[in-house]
Amino acid sequence: MKKTSLIFLVVLFSFFMDQPFEPYSQSIINTKEKIEMLPIPGGEFLMGSPENEPGRKEDEGPQKEVKISPFWMSKYEITWDTYLIFQNRELETTSQTKLDAISRPTKPYVEMSFGQGKNGGFPVCNITQYAARAYCKWLYQTTGIFYRLPTEAEWEYAARAGSNTSYYFGNETKDLEQYAWYFDNSDGTYKKVGLKKPNQWGLYDMYGNVSEWTSDQYFSDAYQKIPTKAIDPYFQPKDLYPHSIRGGGWDDDPEALRSSARGYSTPKLKQIDPQIPKSKWWMTNAPFLGFRIVRPLKTPSPEEIEKYFEMPPKDI
């Protein structure tokens, strides 16, 4: 990004610094689409699961008390409706921003929803973590507001919404049907966002429908590395695999949807991609994987933002 553009964005940031910490809708430039954002208050919580939690795996412990700074989180998973605008410049109805050229996904060689549906509120899927971060960068370049993927800690904190049970509604899997699309009720496909009950903080589909990317590199022993009372723990990715995934998806069993359950990416998620190197945009074997976005209340420095949007290594 050129220095002049960076300065322009910093000026824009100063304009938005005084925005009240309350719900708002982020308009998508030159379209009628919006993303609803909810304020998530800062606080402390116990990250991970106790050893006696049914379905628990070793990578969910030991539990750690951590502190999370306030942020906004998108009320729903990001849909194809706004992702396709990012992907296809021609869907923007008027001339685009004068900022630096925006990097957009390459045209896929197959229909990437795999027939699950696109227009009208279906969650985006089959995209890489880099593509999800690039979507955030597109929002940043067109709105002047820094958006990113949640960290693992932010995601679990938001999903729990103050609860300490397996799910934010309790421990009983028989109640999961009211809150999530998963193997038992999805009929083998994702659904439009927002059709189930939200959690206590108003977030929909935190469990099931599509699994969600986080910003973190995945480590099976991550919680052993996090100090007690750590503030905003985050494992910045240095390698292409694995990255942390949360929430479980439409093809998962109930234990994969628990607030503390952790998933991760592998090269198998691009298994049918015939390209060499493989696409940095499309995760061709992940029709169950999408994302949602956050906006930290405290905007990071321009240097930190630029580092967040760095290109990934090639996937050969």
Protein backbone atom coordinates (compact mmCIF):
# COMPACT_ATOMS: atom_id res chain seq x y z
CA MET A 1 0.00 0.00 0.00
CA LYS A 2 1.35 3.44 -0.91
CA LYS A 3 2.20 5.83 1.90
CA THR A 4 -0.35 8.45 0.73
CA SER A 5 -3.14 5.90 0.87
CA LEU A 6 -2.05 4.83 4.32
CA ILE A 7 -2.18 8.43 5.55
CA PHE A 8 -5.64 8.79 4.03
CA LEU A 9 -6.84 5.77 5.97
CA VAL A 10 -5.32 7.01 9.21
CA VAL A 11 -7.28 10.26 8.76
CA LEU A 12 -10.41 8.24 8.24
CA PHE A 13 -9.69 6.25 11.41
CA SER A 14 -9.55 9.44 13.45
CA PHE A 15 -13.03 10.26 12.14
CA PHE A 16 -14.42 6.96 13.36
CA MET A 17 -12.60 6.86 16.73
CA ASP A 18 -15.48 8.58 18.51
CA GLN A 19 -18.14 6.16 17.26
CA PRO A 20 -20.28 4.95 20.19
CA PHE A 21 -19.68 1.37 21.27
CA GLU A 22 -23.09 0.12 20.17
CA PRO A 23 -24.63 -1.93 17.31
CA TYR A 24 -24.25 -0.52 13.81
CA SER A 25 -24.61 -1.55 10.18
CA GLN A 26 -21.56 -1.39 7.92
CA SER A 27 -22.66 -0.37 4.44
CA ILE A 28 -20.86 -1.95 1.49
CA ILE A 29 -19.69 0.84 -0.81
CA ASN A 30 -21.68 1.32 -4.02
CA THR A 31 -24.21 -1.40 -3.11
CA LYS A 32 -27.30 -1.87 -0.97
CA GLU A 33 -25.65 -4.60 1.12
CA LYS A 34 -24.81 -4.14 4.81
CA ILE A 35 -23.05 -6.10 7.56
CA GLU A 36 -24.61 -5.88 11.01
CA MET A 37 -22.03 -5.45 13.79
CA LEU A 38 -22.62 -6.04 17.51
CA PRO A 39 -20.52 -4.69 20.42
CA ILE A 40 -18.85 -7.42 22.49
CA PRO A 41 -17.84 -6.03 25.91
CA GLY A 42 -14.34 -6.71 27.18
CA GLY A 43 -13.85 -9.04 30.12
CA GLU A 44 -12.18 -12.14 31.51
CA PHE A 45 -13.10 -15.77 30.93
CA LEU A 46 -11.80 -19.29 31.33
CA MET A 47 -10.63 -20.44 27.88
CA GLY A 48 -10.77 -24.15 27.07
CA SER A 49 -12.72 -27.01 28.62
CA PRO A 50 -12.54 -28.92 31.91
CA GLU A 51 -11.17 -32.47 31.75
CA ASN A 52 -14.59 -33.96 32.53
CA GLU A 53 -16.46 -32.23 29.69
CA PRO A 54 -18.03 -34.85 27.36
CA GLY A 55 -16.41 -34.82 23.92
CA ARG A 56 -13.37 -32.92 25.14
CA LYS A 57 -10.02 -33.29 23.32
CA GLU A 58 -6.53 -32.78 24.70
CA ASP A 59 -5.96 -29.58 22.70
CA GLU A 60 -8.67 -27.81 24.73
CA GLY A 61 -6.57 -27.60 27.86
CA PRO A 62 -5.29 -26.79 30.32
CA GLN A 63 -7.91 -24.11 30.80
CA LYS A 64 -6.51 -20.59 31.05
CA GLU A 65 -7.96 -17.41 32.49
CA VAL A 66 -7.52 -14.72 29.86
CA LYS A 67 -8.62 -11.13 29.37
CA ILE A 68 -10.27 -9.93 26.18
CA SER A 69 -10.45 -6.31 25.02
CA PRO A 70 -13.76 -5.01 23.63
CA PHE A 71 -14.58 -5.42 19.95
CA TRP A 72 -17.45 -5.54 17.51
CA MET A 73 -18.35 -8.85 15.86
CA SER A 74 -20.56 -9.49 12.85
CA LYS A 75 -24.00 -10.67 13.94
CA TYR A 76 -24.07 -13.31 11.19
CA GLU A 77 -21.55 -15.33 9.24
CA ILE A 78 -20.36 -13.45 6.13
CA THR A 79 -22.63 -14.27 3.21
CA TRP A 80 -22.05 -14.85 -0.47
CA ASP A 81 -24.06 -11.65 -1.10
CA THR A 82 -21.23 -9.41 0.10
CA TYR A 83 -18.40 -11.80 -0.76
CA LEU A 84 -19.42 -11.86 -4.44
CA ILE A 85 -19.19 -8.05 -4.52
CA PHE A 86 -15.63 -8.36 -3.25
CA GLN A 87 -14.94 -11.11 -5.78
CA ASN A 88 -16.55 -9.41 -8.79
CA ARG A 89 -15.82 -5.72 -9.21
CA GLU A 90 -18.57 -5.43 -11.82
CA LEU A 91 -21.18 -5.96 -9.08
CA GLU A 92 -20.27 -2.58 -7.62
CA THR A 93 -22.77 -0.20 -9.14
CA THR A 94 -20.57 2.91 -9.45
CA SER A 95 -16.91 3.75 -9.80
CA GLN A 96 -14.62 2.16 -7.23
CA THR A 97 -12.49 3.85 -4.62
CA LYS A 98 -9.38 5.72 -5.77
CA LEU A 99 -7.21 3.86 -3.31
CA ASP A 100 -4.62 1.35 -4.47
CA ALA A 101 -5.75 -1.52 -6.65
CA ILE A 102 -7.69 -4.08 -4.68
CA SER A 103 -6.61 -7.71 -4.86
CA ARG A 104 -9.60 -9.93 -5.58
CA PRO A 105 -10.13 -13.70 -5.77
CA THR A 106 -9.38 -15.44 -9.02
CA LYS A 107 -12.32 -16.83 -10.99
CA PRO A 108 -12.95 -20.38 -9.72
CA TYR A 109 -13.08 -23.23 -12.21
CA VAL A 110 -16.18 -24.73 -10.57
CA GLU A 111 -19.24 -23.26 -8.85
CA MET A 112 -17.89 -22.81 -5.34
CA SER A 113 -21.06 -23.17 -3.28
CA PHE A 114 -21.28 -26.73 -4.68
CA GLY A 115 -25.01 -26.17 -5.23
CA GLN A 116 -25.76 -25.19 -1.64
CA GLY A 117 -27.04 -21.73 -2.67
CA LYS A 118 -25.57 -18.24 -2.88
CA ASN A 119 -27.88 -15.26 -3.14
CA GLY A 120 -30.25 -14.32 -0.33
CA GLY A 121 -28.27 -14.93 2.85
CA PHE A 122 -26.25 -18.13 2.48
CA PRO A 123 -22.83 -18.20 4.18
CA VAL A 124 -19.75 -18.09 1.98
CA CYS A 125 -17.66 -21.27 1.94
CA ASN A 126 -14.73 -23.00 0.27
CA ILE A 127 -12.41 -20.04 0.78
CA THR A 128 -8.91 -19.91 2.25
CA GLN A 129 -7.98 -18.05 5.40
CA TYR A 130 -6.02 -15.66 3.17
CA ALA A 131 -9.18 -14.98 1.11
CA ALA A 132 -11.10 -14.21 4.30
CA ARG A 133 -8.35 -11.80 5.39
CA ALA A 134 -8.33 -10.24 1.91
CA TYR A 135 -12.09 -9.65 2.24
CA CYS A 136 -11.34 -7.78 5.47
CA LYS A 137 -8.68 -5.76 3.64
CA TRP A 138 -11.18 -4.89 0.92
CA LEU A 139 -13.55 -3.60 3.61
CA TYR A 140 -10.67 -1.64 5.13
CA GLN A 141 -9.72 -0.10 1.80
CA THR A 142 -13.30 0.85 0.92
CA THR A 143 -14.57 2.00 4.33
CA GLY A 144 -11.46 3.18 6.18
CA ILE A 145 -12.37 0.91 9.10
CA PHE A 146 -10.08 -1.95 10.09
CA TYR A 147 -11.81 -5.32 10.09
CA ARG A 148 -10.17 -8.70 10.62
CA LEU A 149 -10.92 -12.29 11.57
CA PRO A 150 -11.45 -12.98 15.30
CA THR A 151 -8.62 -14.53 17.25
CA GLU A 152 -9.34 -17.95 18.73
CA ALA A 153 -9.68 -16.34 22.16
CA GLU A 154 -12.09 -13.68 20.88
CA TRP A 155 -14.15 -16.31 19.07
CA GLU A 156 -14.56 -18.54 22.14
CA TYR A 157 -15.22 -15.54 24.40
CA ALA A 158 -17.96 -14.32 22.05
CA ALA A 159 -19.45 -17.81 21.64
CA ARG A 160 -19.64 -18.38 25.41
CA ALA A 161 -21.26 -14.98 25.98
CA GLY A 162 -20.62 -15.29 29.71
CA SER A 163 -21.43 -19.02 29.99
CA ASN A 164 -19.09 -21.74 31.29
CA THR A 165 -21.02 -24.77 30.02
CA SER A 166 -20.34 -26.92 26.95
CA TYR A 167 -22.69 -24.76 24.90
CA TYR A 168 -23.87 -21.21 25.65
CA PHE A 169 -27.33 -22.61 26.37
CA GLY A 170 -26.16 -25.38 28.75
CA ASN A 171 -24.78 -28.91 28.49
CA GLU A 172 -27.63 -30.82 26.85
CA THR A 173 -27.08 -31.77 23.20
CA LYS A 174 -30.84 -32.35 22.84
CA ASP A 175 -31.26 -28.54 22.90
CA LEU A 176 -28.71 -27.97 20.14
CA GLU A 177 -31.35 -28.26 17.43
CA GLN A 178 -32.79 -24.90 18.49
CA TYR A 179 -29.47 -23.12 17.98
CA ALA A 180 -27.51 -24.80 15.22
CA TRP A 181 -27.43 -26.59 11.87
CA TYR A 182 -25.33 -29.74 12.19
CA PHE A 183 -25.20 -33.33 10.97
CA ASP A 184 -28.48 -34.38 12.55
CA ASN A 185 -30.66 -31.60 11.08
CA SER A 186 -28.82 -30.01 8.13
CA ASP A 187 -29.79 -32.50 5.39
CA GLY A 188 -26.22 -32.32 4.17
CA THR A 189 -26.04 -28.61 3.33
CA TYR A 190 -25.68 -25.19 4.92
CA LYS A 191 -28.69 -22.91 5.48
CA LYS A 192 -29.36 -19.18 5.30
CA VAL A 193 -27.82 -17.36 8.24
CA GLY A 194 -29.91 -16.29 11.24
CA LEU A 195 -32.62 -18.96 11.16
CA LYS A 196 -31.79 -20.45 14.57
CA LYS A 197 -31.76 -18.82 18.03
CA PRO A 198 -28.84 -16.45 18.82
CA ASN A 199 -26.63 -16.60 21.91
CA GLN A 200 -26.98 -14.24 24.86
CA TRP A 201 -25.02 -11.52 23.05
CA GLY A 202 -27.17 -11.72 19.93
CA LEU A 203 -24.74 -13.64 17.71
CA TYR A 204 -26.31 -16.16 15.30
CA ASP A 205 -24.87 -19.45 14.05
CA MET A 206 -21.83 -19.45 16.34
CA TYR A 207 -22.39 -23.20 16.35
CA GLY A 208 -22.77 -25.15 13.13
CA ASN A 209 -23.91 -24.02 9.68
CA VAL A 210 -20.35 -23.24 8.52
CA SER A 211 -17.21 -23.57 10.60
CA GLU A 212 -15.35 -20.27 10.95
CA TRP A 213 -11.79 -19.20 10.33
CA THR A 214 -9.89 -17.47 13.10
CA SER A 215 -6.70 -15.39 12.79
CA ASP A 216 -4.52 -17.84 14.72
CA GLN A 217 -1.93 -20.42 13.80
CA TYR A 218 -3.10 -23.71 15.32
CA PHE A 219 -0.99 -25.43 17.96
CA SER A 220 -2.26 -28.52 19.77
CA ASP A 221 -0.46 -27.32 22.91
CA ALA A 222 -1.47 -23.66 22.54
CA TYR A 223 -3.01 -23.41 26.00
CA GLN A 224 0.19 -24.62 27.62
CA LYS A 225 1.92 -21.66 25.96
CA ILE A 226 -0.63 -19.02 27.03
CA PRO A 227 0.32 -17.37 30.37
CA THR A 228 -2.38 -17.16 33.05
CA LYS A 229 -4.26 -13.85 32.84
CA ALA A 230 -2.87 -13.20 29.38
CA ILE A 231 -4.40 -10.22 27.60
CA ASP A 232 -5.75 -10.89 24.11
CA PRO A 233 -3.68 -14.06 23.43
CA TYR A 234 -2.96 -14.58 19.73
CA PHE A 235 -0.68 -16.90 17.76
CA GLN A 236 0.27 -14.97 14.65
CA PRO A 237 0.51 -17.35 11.67
CA LYS A 238 3.94 -17.97 10.19
CA ASP A 239 3.13 -21.13 8.24
CA LEU A 240 0.41 -21.90 5.70
CA TYR A 241 -0.90 -24.83 7.77
CA PRO A 242 -2.54 -25.36 10.18
CA HIS A 243 -4.80 -22.41 11.02
CA SER A 244 -7.42 -22.58 13.75
CA ILE A 245 -11.07 -23.14 12.89
CA ARG A 246 -13.99 -22.84 15.33
CA GLY A 247 -17.70 -23.53 15.70
CA GLY A 248 -18.19 -26.77 13.79
CA GLY A 249 -20.25 -27.01 10.61
CA TRP A 250 -23.33 -28.56 9.02
CA ASP A 251 -21.58 -31.93 8.63
CA ASP A 252 -20.29 -32.18 12.21
CA ASP A 253 -21.53 -34.02 15.28
CA PRO A 254 -22.55 -32.10 18.45
CA GLU A 255 -19.20 -32.42 20.24
CA ALA A 256 -17.48 -30.46 17.42
CA LEU A 257 -19.86 -27.54 18.02
CA ARG A 258 -18.99 -26.99 21.70
CA SER A 259 -17.68 -23.52 22.63
CA SER A 260 -14.22 -24.92 23.37
CA ALA A 261 -13.93 -27.37 20.44
CA ARG A 262 -11.01 -26.62 18.13
CA GLY A 263 -10.44 -27.49 14.49
CA TYR A 264 -7.61 -26.76 12.08
CA SER A 265 -6.78 -26.58 8.38
CA THR A 266 -4.73 -29.15 6.43
CA PRO A 267 -3.63 -29.50 2.78
CA LYS A 268 -6.51 -31.98 2.33
CA LEU A 269 -8.86 -29.00 2.19
CA LYS A 270 -7.41 -28.28 -1.28
CA GLN A 271 -7.19 -31.91 -2.37
CA ILE A 272 -9.11 -31.54 -5.66
CA ASP A 273 -7.44 -28.27 -6.68
CA PRO A 274 -5.48 -29.22 -9.86
CA GLN A 275 -3.40 -26.02 -9.96
CA ILE A 276 0.34 -25.84 -9.25
CA PRO A 277 0.84 -23.96 -7.01
CA LYS A 278 -2.59 -24.45 -5.49
CA SER A 279 -4.94 -21.48 -5.28
CA LYS A 280 -4.36 -18.97 -2.51
CA TRP A 281 -8.07 -18.06 -2.70
CA TRP A 282 -10.09 -21.29 -2.82
CA MET A 283 -10.27 -24.21 -0.39
CA THR A 284 -11.82 -26.65 -2.84
CA ASN A 285 -12.65 -29.35 -0.29
CA ALA A 286 -14.20 -27.11 2.35
CA PRO A 287 -17.91 -26.53 1.56
CA PHE A 288 -18.41 -26.38 5.34
CA LEU A 289 -15.93 -23.57 6.09
CA GLY A 290 -16.66 -19.82 6.17
CA PHE A 291 -15.99 -16.89 8.51
CA ARG A 292 -17.25 -13.85 10.36
CA ILE A 293 -15.44 -10.60 11.05
CA VAL A 294 -14.55 -8.41 14.03
CA ARG A 295 -13.53 -4.79 14.50
CA PRO A 296 -11.35 -4.06 17.55
CA LEU A 297 -12.47 -1.05 19.58
CA LYS A 298 -8.85 0.11 19.68
CA THR A 299 -7.55 0.43 16.14
CA PRO A 300 -4.03 -0.98 15.71
CA SER A 301 -1.18 1.00 14.17
CA PRO A 302 -0.86 1.23 10.36
CA GLU A 303 2.23 -1.00 10.57
CA GLU A 304 0.31 -3.66 12.51
CA ILE A 305 -2.55 -3.49 10.02
CA GLU A 306 -0.20 -3.84 7.06
CA LYS A 307 1.43 -6.87 8.67
CA TYR A 308 -1.95 -8.49 9.27
CA PHE A 309 -2.73 -8.37 5.55
CA GLU A 310 0.55 -9.91 4.38
CA MET A 311 0.50 -12.40 1.53
CA PRO A 312 0.64 -16.11 2.43
CA PRO A 313 3.45 -18.41 1.23
CA LYS A 314 2.78 -20.36 -1.98
CA ASP A 315 0.93 -23.64 -1.57
CA ILE A 316 2.68 -26.23 -3.72
